[in-house]
N, C-alpha and C. Protein backbone atom coordinates (compact mmCIF):
# COMPACT_ATOMS: atom_id res chain seq x y z
N MET A 1 -56.50 37.50 52.13
CA MET A 1 -55.48 36.52 51.93
C MET A 1 -56.62 35.57 51.49
N LEU A 2 -57.01 35.17 52.37
CA LEU A 2 -58.91 34.62 52.14
C LEU A 2 -59.31 35.29 50.97
N THR A 3 -59.83 36.07 51.12
CA THR A 3 -60.93 36.93 50.05
C THR A 3 -60.01 37.10 48.87
N LYS A 4 -58.55 37.22 48.80
CA LYS A 4 -57.60 37.27 47.62
C LYS A 4 -58.14 35.77 46.74
N LEU A 5 -57.92 34.91 47.39
CA LEU A 5 -57.88 33.35 46.93
C LEU A 5 -59.51 33.26 46.26
N VAL A 6 -60.38 33.79 47.48
CA VAL A 6 -61.57 33.60 46.75
C VAL A 6 -62.09 34.32 45.52
N ALA A 7 -61.41 35.62 45.67
CA ALA A 7 -61.71 36.02 43.91
C ALA A 7 -61.21 35.98 43.08
N ALA A 8 -60.07 34.72 43.67
CA ALA A 8 -59.21 34.10 42.22
C ALA A 8 -59.94 33.17 41.87
N ALA A 9 -60.53 32.46 42.50
CA ALA A 9 -60.80 31.29 42.00
C ALA A 9 -62.49 31.95 41.31
N VAL A 10 -63.30 32.74 41.90
CA VAL A 10 -64.31 32.80 41.20
C VAL A 10 -63.77 33.93 39.64
N ALA A 11 -62.74 34.36 39.44
CA ALA A 11 -62.42 35.07 38.54
C ALA A 11 -61.99 33.73 37.10
N ILE A 12 -61.21 32.94 37.89
CA ILE A 12 -61.40 32.03 36.53
C ILE A 12 -62.28 30.95 36.30
N ALA A 13 -62.69 30.85 37.58
CA ALA A 13 -64.39 30.07 37.36
C ALA A 13 -65.04 30.60 36.01
N LEU A 14 -65.28 32.28 35.97
CA LEU A 14 -65.79 32.92 35.29
C LEU A 14 -65.15 32.97 34.18
N LEU A 15 -64.20 32.97 33.96
CA LEU A 15 -63.63 32.82 32.80
C LEU A 15 -63.41 31.55 31.87
N LEU A 16 -63.55 30.81 32.61
CA LEU A 16 -63.52 29.59 31.58
C LEU A 16 -64.88 29.24 31.67
N ALA A 17 -66.29 29.27 32.13
CA ALA A 17 -67.21 29.28 32.00
C ALA A 17 -67.41 30.36 30.04
N TYR A 18 -67.13 31.29 30.51
CA TYR A 18 -66.72 32.14 29.04
C TYR A 18 -66.83 31.61 27.76
N LEU A 19 -65.48 31.32 28.35
CA LEU A 19 -64.66 31.16 27.33
C LEU A 19 -64.30 29.49 26.66
N LEU A 20 -64.84 28.68 27.60
CA LEU A 20 -64.24 27.05 27.31
C LEU A 20 -65.57 26.58 26.26
N PRO A 21 -66.89 27.06 26.24
CA PRO A 21 -67.96 26.30 25.20
C PRO A 21 -67.31 27.41 23.88
N VAL A 22 -66.72 28.25 23.66
CA VAL A 22 -66.14 28.69 22.55
C VAL A 22 -65.08 27.65 22.26
N VAL A 23 -63.95 27.19 23.31
CA VAL A 23 -62.78 26.51 22.70
C VAL A 23 -63.35 25.00 22.17
N ILE A 24 -64.41 24.16 23.07
CA ILE A 24 -65.01 22.94 23.15
C ILE A 24 -65.77 22.97 21.64
N LYS A 25 -66.44 24.32 20.67
CA LYS A 25 -67.11 23.69 20.12
C LYS A 25 -66.36 24.09 18.56
N MET A 26 -65.52 25.46 19.29
CA MET A 26 -63.80 25.13 17.48
C MET A 26 -63.72 24.15 17.37
N LYS A 27 -63.02 23.62 18.79
CA LYS A 27 -62.11 22.47 18.71
C LYS A 27 -60.42 22.96 17.95
N ASP A 28 -60.63 24.16 18.60
CA ASP A 28 -58.92 24.86 18.28
C ASP A 28 -58.15 25.33 19.05
N ALA A 29 -56.98 24.30 18.89
CA ALA A 29 -56.14 24.02 19.82
C ALA A 29 -55.40 25.52 20.33
N VAL A 30 -55.10 26.24 19.10
CA VAL A 30 -54.48 27.51 19.57
C VAL A 30 -55.55 28.71 20.61
N LEU A 31 -56.24 28.36 19.79
CA LEU A 31 -57.57 29.63 21.41
C LEU A 31 -57.40 28.27 22.57
N ALA A 32 -57.43 27.61 22.77
CA ALA A 32 -57.06 26.44 24.04
C ALA A 32 -55.72 26.89 24.77
N GLY A 33 -54.59 26.98 23.70
CA GLY A 33 -52.87 27.24 24.82
C GLY A 33 -53.44 28.87 25.23
N VAL A 34 -54.28 29.84 24.20
CA VAL A 34 -54.79 31.43 24.37
C VAL A 34 -54.93 31.58 25.77
N LEU A 35 -55.89 30.55 25.93
CA LEU A 35 -56.47 30.28 27.15
C LEU A 35 -56.22 29.44 28.29
N LEU A 36 -55.02 28.94 27.63
CA LEU A 36 -54.93 28.42 29.22
C LEU A 36 -53.54 29.42 29.76
N ILE A 37 -52.88 30.04 28.47
CA ILE A 37 -51.70 31.26 28.73
C ILE A 37 -52.42 32.06 29.73
N GLY A 38 -53.62 32.39 29.33
CA GLY A 38 -54.35 33.41 30.11
C GLY A 38 -54.56 33.07 31.44
N ILE A 39 -54.35 31.77 31.80
CA ILE A 39 -54.88 31.41 33.25
C ILE A 39 -53.83 30.77 33.90
N ALA A 40 -52.92 31.05 33.15
CA ALA A 40 -51.50 31.01 33.89
C ALA A 40 -50.72 32.22 33.90
N PHE A 41 -51.38 33.41 33.02
CA PHE A 41 -51.24 34.55 33.63
C PHE A 41 -52.02 35.00 35.17
N MET A 42 -52.80 34.83 34.84
CA MET A 42 -53.66 35.15 36.49
C MET A 42 -53.46 34.69 37.83
N VAL A 43 -52.79 33.32 37.15
CA VAL A 43 -51.99 32.23 38.60
C VAL A 43 -50.82 33.40 39.08
N VAL A 44 -50.09 33.41 38.49
CA VAL A 44 -48.74 33.93 38.42
C VAL A 44 -49.15 35.72 39.23
N ASP A 45 -50.01 36.60 38.36
CA ASP A 45 -50.64 37.54 39.28
C ASP A 45 -51.15 37.60 40.72
N LEU A 46 -52.30 36.41 40.46
CA LEU A 46 -52.37 35.76 42.35
C LEU A 46 -51.44 35.51 42.83
N VAL A 47 -50.34 34.92 43.05
CA VAL A 47 -48.85 34.72 43.66
C VAL A 47 -48.34 36.08 43.99
N HIS A 48 -48.23 36.55 42.78
CA HIS A 48 -47.55 37.83 43.09
C HIS A 48 -48.61 38.75 44.05
N SER A 49 -49.91 39.06 43.84
CA SER A 49 -50.86 39.37 44.83
C SER A 49 -50.57 39.10 46.11
N LEU A 50 -50.75 37.50 46.22
CA LEU A 50 -50.52 36.92 48.01
C LEU A 50 -49.29 37.24 48.86
N ARG A 51 -48.10 37.57 47.96
CA ARG A 51 -46.60 37.79 48.12
C ARG A 51 -46.39 38.86 49.03
N ARG A 52 -47.23 40.04 48.16
CA ARG A 52 -47.67 41.77 48.52
C ARG A 52 -47.73 41.99 50.08
N PRO A 53 -47.52 42.73 50.82
CA PRO A 53 -48.11 42.74 51.94
C PRO A 53 -48.67 43.51 51.90
N GLU A 54 -50.14 43.67 52.70
CA GLU A 54 -51.32 44.34 52.77
C GLU A 54 -51.37 45.82 52.90
N GLU A 55 -51.94 47.23 52.63
CA GLU A 55 -52.27 48.11 52.64
C GLU A 55 -52.99 48.67 53.68
């Protein structure tokens, strides 16, 4: 479980590090919304992954 949390935190940090400068430079609200939706999907996937039993 801890491994999944760390992996998810790293994935979100890498996504933000890659896309946030573009969003800030372009100052595009729609692109920022898409980024937030992507992060929300990542969090939902993490929650579902944590609730699934380990194999």
